[in-house]
N, C-alpha and C. Protein backbone atom coordinates (compact mmCIF):
# COMPACT_ATOMS: atom_id res chain seq x y z
N MET A 1 -104.15 136.45 -47.02
CA MET A 1 -103.31 136.88 -46.94
C MET A 1 -103.75 138.67 -46.84
N ASP A 2 -103.92 139.16 -45.77
CA ASP A 2 -104.52 140.72 -45.70
C ASP A 2 -103.98 141.69 -46.72
N GLU A 3 -104.20 142.79 -47.40
CA GLU A 3 -103.67 143.82 -48.18
C GLU A 3 -102.36 144.90 -47.35
N LYS A 4 -102.82 145.11 -46.30
CA LYS A 4 -101.78 145.62 -45.29
C LYS A 4 -100.75 144.84 -45.04
N THR A 5 -100.33 143.32 -44.92
CA THR A 5 -99.77 142.83 -44.73
C THR A 5 -98.78 142.71 -46.01
N ILE A 6 -99.74 142.31 -47.52
CA ILE A 6 -98.94 142.74 -48.42
C ILE A 6 -98.16 144.06 -48.82
N LYS A 7 -98.95 145.42 -48.57
CA LYS A 7 -98.31 146.14 -49.00
C LYS A 7 -97.29 146.73 -48.02
N GLU A 8 -97.02 146.37 -46.64
CA GLU A 8 -96.04 146.64 -45.88
C GLU A 8 -95.01 145.76 -46.16
N GLY A 9 -94.99 144.70 -46.86
CA GLY A 9 -93.86 143.35 -47.20
C GLY A 9 -93.27 143.53 -48.98
N LYS A 10 -93.91 144.51 -49.20
CA LYS A 10 -93.78 144.20 -50.93
C LYS A 10 -92.70 144.81 -51.43
N SER A 11 -92.16 145.66 -50.91
CA SER A 11 -90.61 146.57 -51.13
C SER A 11 -89.48 145.49 -50.55
N LEU A 12 -89.86 144.96 -49.78
CA LEU A 12 -88.82 143.35 -49.42
C LEU A 12 -88.97 142.53 -50.26
N ALA A 13 -90.15 142.39 -50.38
CA ALA A 13 -90.27 141.03 -51.15
C ALA A 13 -89.59 141.06 -52.64
N ILE A 14 -90.00 142.61 -53.24
CA ILE A 14 -88.96 142.70 -54.66
C ILE A 14 -87.54 143.01 -54.28
N LEU A 15 -86.99 143.34 -53.10
CA LEU A 15 -85.51 143.69 -53.16
C LEU A 15 -85.35 142.00 -52.72
N SER A 16 -85.87 141.13 -52.70
CA SER A 16 -85.23 139.77 -52.64
C SER A 16 -85.08 139.02 -53.65
N TYR A 17 -85.38 139.75 -54.94
CA TYR A 17 -85.42 139.23 -55.78
C TYR A 17 -83.98 139.46 -56.83
N ILE A 18 -83.51 140.58 -56.32
CA ILE A 18 -81.78 140.91 -56.61
C ILE A 18 -80.86 140.15 -56.23
N LEU A 19 -80.10 139.27 -57.27
CA LEU A 19 -79.33 137.98 -56.93
C LEU A 19 -78.53 138.72 -55.82
N ILE A 20 -77.99 137.64 -54.95
CA ILE A 20 -77.07 137.71 -54.36
C ILE A 20 -77.23 138.63 -52.92
N LEU A 21 -77.15 139.67 -53.39
CA LEU A 21 -77.32 140.91 -52.09
C LEU A 21 -78.72 141.23 -51.42
N GLY A 22 -79.80 141.18 -52.84
CA GLY A 22 -81.13 141.18 -51.97
C GLY A 22 -81.59 140.27 -51.25
N PRO A 23 -81.59 139.44 -51.05
CA PRO A 23 -81.78 138.20 -50.10
C PRO A 23 -81.68 138.66 -48.87
N LEU A 24 -80.25 138.66 -48.98
CA LEU A 24 -79.43 138.93 -47.54
C LEU A 24 -80.06 140.23 -46.83
N ILE A 25 -80.00 141.38 -47.62
CA ILE A 25 -80.32 142.42 -47.16
C ILE A 25 -81.79 142.30 -46.53
N ALA A 26 -82.99 141.87 -47.38
CA ALA A 26 -84.30 141.82 -47.23
C ALA A 26 -84.86 140.87 -45.62
N LEU A 27 -83.63 139.42 -45.94
CA LEU A 27 -83.72 138.71 -44.74
C LEU A 27 -83.36 139.72 -43.34
N SER A 28 -82.20 140.63 -43.50
CA SER A 28 -82.11 141.11 -42.25
C SER A 28 -83.01 142.31 -41.94
N ILE A 29 -83.09 143.12 -42.91
CA ILE A 29 -84.34 143.81 -42.45
C ILE A 29 -85.67 143.34 -42.09
N ASN A 30 -86.30 142.05 -42.40
CA ASN A 30 -87.24 141.64 -42.14
C ASN A 30 -87.10 140.49 -40.78
N ALA A 31 -86.15 140.62 -40.44
CA ALA A 31 -85.86 139.52 -39.06
C ALA A 31 -86.30 140.23 -37.69
N ASP A 32 -86.49 141.44 -37.97
CA ASP A 32 -86.94 142.15 -36.62
C ASP A 32 -88.49 141.82 -36.71
N LYS A 33 -89.48 142.43 -37.35
CA LYS A 33 -91.03 142.33 -37.62
C LYS A 33 -91.40 141.26 -39.03
N LYS A 34 -91.66 140.55 -38.74
CA LYS A 34 -91.75 139.35 -39.47
C LYS A 34 -92.87 139.57 -40.33
N ASN A 35 -92.95 139.80 -41.51
CA ASN A 35 -94.05 140.22 -42.53
C ASN A 35 -94.20 138.37 -43.38
N GLN A 36 -95.39 137.96 -43.50
CA GLN A 36 -95.41 136.54 -43.75
C GLN A 36 -95.17 136.95 -45.27
N PHE A 37 -95.64 137.74 -46.39
CA PHE A 37 -95.55 138.22 -47.42
C PHE A 37 -93.63 138.29 -47.83
N ALA A 38 -93.23 139.38 -47.77
CA ALA A 38 -91.93 139.54 -47.38
C ALA A 38 -90.93 137.94 -46.81
N SER A 39 -91.57 137.07 -46.01
CA SER A 39 -90.94 136.66 -46.10
C SER A 39 -91.04 134.95 -46.90
N PHE A 40 -92.26 134.95 -47.43
CA PHE A 40 -92.45 133.61 -48.42
C PHE A 40 -91.13 134.57 -49.71
N HIS A 41 -91.42 135.56 -49.96
CA HIS A 41 -90.81 135.87 -51.18
C HIS A 41 -89.17 136.14 -50.68
N ILE A 42 -88.69 136.23 -50.07
CA ILE A 42 -87.51 136.07 -49.30
C ILE A 42 -86.91 135.10 -49.66
N ARG A 43 -87.88 133.38 -49.33
CA ARG A 43 -87.29 132.02 -49.07
C ARG A 43 -87.28 131.81 -50.93
N GLN A 44 -88.33 132.68 -51.70
CA GLN A 44 -87.91 132.26 -52.89
C GLN A 44 -86.53 133.03 -53.41
N GLY A 45 -86.39 133.95 -53.51
CA GLY A 45 -85.42 135.12 -53.93
C GLY A 45 -84.34 134.25 -53.51
N LEU A 46 -84.11 133.96 -51.95
CA LEU A 46 -82.70 133.26 -51.90
C LEU A 46 -82.33 131.75 -52.14
N GLY A 47 -83.77 131.19 -52.21
CA GLY A 47 -83.23 129.81 -53.26
C GLY A 47 -82.68 130.39 -54.63
N LEU A 48 -83.66 131.25 -55.21
CA LEU A 48 -82.78 131.18 -56.70
C LEU A 48 -81.48 131.71 -56.69
N THR A 49 -81.18 132.61 -55.39
CA THR A 49 -79.61 133.06 -55.38
C THR A 49 -78.66 131.90 -55.22
N LEU A 50 -79.08 131.08 -54.31
CA LEU A 50 -78.37 129.73 -53.85
C LEU A 50 -78.16 128.81 -55.35
N THR A 51 -79.70 128.56 -55.85
CA THR A 51 -79.65 128.06 -57.00
C THR A 51 -78.45 128.46 -58.28
N PHE A 52 -78.52 129.76 -58.48
CA PHE A 52 -77.58 130.44 -59.56
C PHE A 52 -75.93 130.39 -58.82
N LEU A 53 -75.81 130.55 -57.34
CA LEU A 53 -74.40 129.93 -57.19
C LEU A 53 -73.97 128.90 -57.47
N LEU A 54 -74.96 127.73 -56.93
CA LEU A 54 -74.36 126.60 -56.98
C LEU A 54 -74.54 125.76 -58.06
N LEU A 55 -75.01 126.42 -59.54
CA LEU A 55 -75.04 126.45 -60.96
C LEU A 55 -73.90 127.01 -61.37
N GLY A 56 -73.43 127.95 -60.79
CA GLY A 56 -72.02 128.71 -61.26
C GLY A 56 -70.79 128.28 -60.74
N LEU A 57 -71.04 127.37 -59.64
CA LEU A 57 -69.57 126.78 -59.27
C LEU A 57 -69.45 125.52 -59.99
N THR A 58 -70.23 124.70 -59.97
CA THR A 58 -70.53 123.58 -60.91
C THR A 58 -70.01 123.50 -61.92
N MET A 59 -70.52 124.64 -62.81
CA MET A 59 -70.25 124.43 -64.33
C MET A 59 -68.36 125.06 -64.64
N SER A 60 -68.74 126.32 -63.53
CA SER A 60 -67.48 126.80 -63.50
C SER A 60 -66.22 126.04 -63.26
N SER A 61 -66.21 124.94 -62.41
CA SER A 61 -65.52 123.89 -62.01
C SER A 61 -65.18 122.94 -63.55
N TYR A 62 -66.37 122.95 -64.04
CA TYR A 62 -66.35 121.53 -65.27
C TYR A 62 -65.38 122.58 -66.46
N PHE A 63 -66.22 123.40 -66.73
CA PHE A 63 -65.52 124.01 -68.03
C PHE A 63 -64.53 125.00 -67.85
N ASN A 64 -63.90 125.05 -66.68
CA ASN A 64 -62.67 125.95 -66.59
C ASN A 64 -61.30 124.90 -67.06
N ARG A 65 -61.69 123.55 -67.34
CA ARG A 65 -60.82 122.74 -67.35
C ARG A 65 -60.31 122.93 -69.08
N ALA A 66 -58.92 122.53 -69.27
CA ALA A 66 -58.33 122.90 -70.42
C ALA A 66 -59.08 121.96 -71.45
N ASP A 67 -59.86 120.72 -71.32
CA ASP A 67 -59.97 120.18 -72.18
C ASP A 67 -61.09 120.01 -72.85
N VAL A 68 -62.15 121.07 -72.19
CA VAL A 68 -63.30 121.52 -72.54
C VAL A 68 -63.16 122.45 -73.66
N ASN A 69 -64.12 122.57 -74.75
CA ASN A 69 -64.24 123.71 -75.80
C ASN A 69 -65.44 124.85 -75.07
N PRO A 70 -64.69 125.86 -75.41
CA PRO A 70 -65.45 127.20 -74.97
C PRO A 70 -66.98 126.92 -75.42
N GLU A 71 -67.26 126.68 -76.82
CA GLU A 71 -68.62 126.67 -77.07
C GLU A 71 -69.63 125.61 -76.54
N LEU A 72 -69.18 124.63 -76.45
CA LEU A 72 -69.46 123.71 -75.35
C LEU A 72 -70.13 124.22 -74.18
N ALA A 73 -68.98 124.69 -73.74
CA ALA A 73 -69.51 125.58 -72.05
C ALA A 73 -70.41 126.83 -72.21
N LEU A 74 -70.54 127.53 -73.42
CA LEU A 74 -71.63 128.73 -73.79
C LEU A 74 -72.68 127.81 -74.34
N ASN A 75 -73.23 126.94 -75.07
CA ASN A 75 -73.84 126.08 -75.20
C ASN A 75 -74.85 125.72 -74.20
N VAL A 76 -74.29 124.99 -72.86
CA VAL A 76 -74.77 124.19 -71.78
C VAL A 76 -75.04 125.36 -70.73
N ALA A 77 -74.15 126.31 -70.67
CA ALA A 77 -74.38 127.34 -69.77
C ALA A 77 -75.65 128.37 -69.72
N ALA A 78 -75.94 128.83 -71.37
CA ALA A 78 -76.47 129.98 -71.35
C ALA A 78 -78.08 129.91 -70.72
N PRO A 79 -78.72 127.96 -71.40
CA PRO A 79 -79.80 128.10 -71.01
C PRO A 79 -79.52 127.82 -69.47
N PHE A 80 -79.19 127.88 -68.76
CA PHE A 80 -79.26 127.28 -67.28
C PHE A 80 -79.56 129.27 -66.90
N TRP A 81 -78.56 130.02 -67.56
CA TRP A 81 -78.97 131.61 -67.18
C TRP A 81 -79.96 131.68 -67.42
N ILE A 82 -80.48 131.55 -68.73
CA ILE A 82 -81.56 131.92 -69.16
C ILE A 82 -82.80 131.81 -68.42
N PHE A 83 -82.83 130.79 -67.71
CA PHE A 83 -84.23 130.04 -67.03
C PHE A 83 -84.01 130.63 -65.44
N ILE A 84 -82.69 130.66 -65.05
CA ILE A 84 -82.60 131.62 -63.53
C ILE A 84 -83.26 132.63 -63.78
N THR A 85 -82.84 133.64 -64.80
CA THR A 85 -83.10 135.03 -65.03
C THR A 85 -84.88 135.20 -65.03
N LEU A 86 -85.11 134.13 -65.90
CA LEU A 86 -86.86 133.87 -66.08
C LEU A 86 -87.58 133.56 -64.65
N LEU A 87 -87.06 133.03 -64.23
CA LEU A 87 -87.51 132.53 -63.01
C LEU A 87 -87.78 133.53 -62.01
N ASN A 88 -86.32 134.08 -61.83
CA ASN A 88 -86.66 135.74 -61.10
C ASN A 88 -87.55 136.91 -61.66
N PHE A 89 -87.48 137.30 -63.20
CA PHE A 89 -88.10 138.07 -63.37
C PHE A 89 -89.89 137.75 -62.73
N TYR A 90 -89.95 136.29 -63.29
CA TYR A 90 -91.49 135.68 -62.64
C TYR A 90 -91.72 136.06 -61.11
N GLY A 91 -90.69 135.85 -60.30
CA GLY A 91 -90.78 136.06 -58.91
C GLY A 91 -91.12 137.52 -58.62
N MET A 92 -90.53 138.53 -59.52
CA MET A 92 -90.43 139.95 -58.89
C MET A 92 -91.76 139.95 -59.21
N PHE A 93 -92.04 140.02 -60.49
CA PHE A 93 -93.16 140.01 -60.71
C PHE A 93 -94.68 140.03 -59.98
N THR A 94 -94.50 138.71 -59.51
CA THR A 94 -95.70 138.40 -58.32
C THR A 94 -95.40 138.71 -57.25
N ALA A 95 -94.09 139.20 -56.59
CA ALA A 95 -94.30 140.21 -56.01
C ALA A 95 -94.74 141.82 -56.46
N VAL A 96 -94.39 141.96 -57.26
CA VAL A 96 -94.81 143.77 -57.57
C VAL A 96 -96.49 143.39 -57.53
N MET A 97 -97.15 142.23 -58.18
CA MET A 97 -98.67 142.17 -58.65
C MET A 97 -98.82 142.14 -56.28
N GLY A 98 -98.31 141.78 -56.06
CA GLY A 98 -99.37 141.10 -54.45
C GLY A 98 -99.48 139.91 -54.71
N GLN A 99 -98.85 139.17 -55.31
CA GLN A 99 -99.43 137.70 -55.24
C GLN A 99 -98.54 136.89 -54.26
N TYR A 100 -99.18 135.64 -53.81
CA TYR A 100 -98.04 134.60 -53.06
C TYR A 100 -98.26 133.27 -54.01
N ARG A 101 -97.31 133.55 -55.19
CA ARG A 101 -97.18 132.18 -55.77
C ARG A 101 -95.97 131.93 -55.88
N PRO A 102 -95.67 130.65 -55.70
CA PRO A 102 -93.92 129.94 -55.78
C PRO A 102 -93.80 129.73 -57.36
N ILE A 103 -92.37 130.18 -57.31
CA ILE A 103 -91.60 129.80 -58.63
C ILE A 103 -91.63 128.83 -59.26
N PRO A 104 -92.22 128.78 -60.72
CA PRO A 104 -92.57 127.46 -61.25
C PRO A 104 -91.47 126.66 -61.08
N LEU A 105 -91.71 125.13 -60.60
CA LEU A 105 -90.36 123.65 -60.65
C LEU A 105 -89.87 124.32 -59.15
N LEU A 106 -89.60 124.97 -58.69
CA LEU A 106 -88.54 124.86 -57.92
C LEU A 106 -88.84 125.74 -56.31
N GLY A 107 -89.65 126.62 -56.61
CA GLY A 107 -90.49 127.33 -55.17
C GLY A 107 -91.09 126.55 -54.35
N THR A 108 -92.07 125.36 -54.53
CA THR A 108 -92.26 124.29 -53.43
C THR A 108 -90.90 124.02 -52.58
N PHE A 109 -90.16 123.69 -53.29
CA PHE A 109 -88.49 123.19 -52.39
C PHE A 109 -88.26 124.18 -51.79
N PHE A 110 -88.29 125.55 -52.25
CA PHE A 110 -87.78 126.62 -51.72
C PHE A 110 -88.40 126.53 -50.45
N GLN A 111 -89.96 126.76 -50.53
CA GLN A 111 -90.46 126.91 -49.28
C GLN A 111 -90.14 126.43 -48.21
N LYS A 112 -89.80 124.87 -48.74
CA LYS A 112 -89.83 123.54 -47.59
C LYS A 112 -88.32 123.45 -47.11
N TRP A 113 -87.81 123.80 -47.70
CA TRP A 113 -86.08 123.74 -47.57
C TRP A 113 -85.39 125.20 -46.66
N LEU A 114 -86.14 126.35 -46.86
CA LEU A 114 -85.96 127.40 -45.84
C LEU A 114 -87.07 127.69 -45.61
N LYS A 115 -87.44 127.04 -44.89
CA LYS A 115 -88.70 127.33 -44.07
C LYS A 115 -88.45 127.95 -42.37
N LYS A 116 -87.82 127.66 -41.81
CA LYS A 116 -86.86 128.13 -40.88
C LYS A 116 -86.89 129.85 -41.06
N LEU A 117 -86.45 130.33 -41.96
CA LEU A 117 -86.34 131.79 -42.56
C LEU A 117 -87.62 132.58 -42.14
């Protein structure tokens, strides 16, 4: 990928790592003029957002039951949120550096599953 494409798509790539709203805004802005660099990072950011929401819904439906110990809920949920946060910072860092690297563990799946975007 050439430097011009990276430079033009860098702001959208960074924006895509702001959970929930960032990928949606970046996706709508990138819809007119498809930038490969921005599209790559939008898929990564959207995948992280979907993972964040899926984990949140799954854990909240389980941990909101009356028979679940609140300490257990925190001990299970905290590592997941830390993991998503670290992956988010990693993705944002690669976007700032102008690199075209998938997020560890999940990035290649995000690229396959969201390739239509």
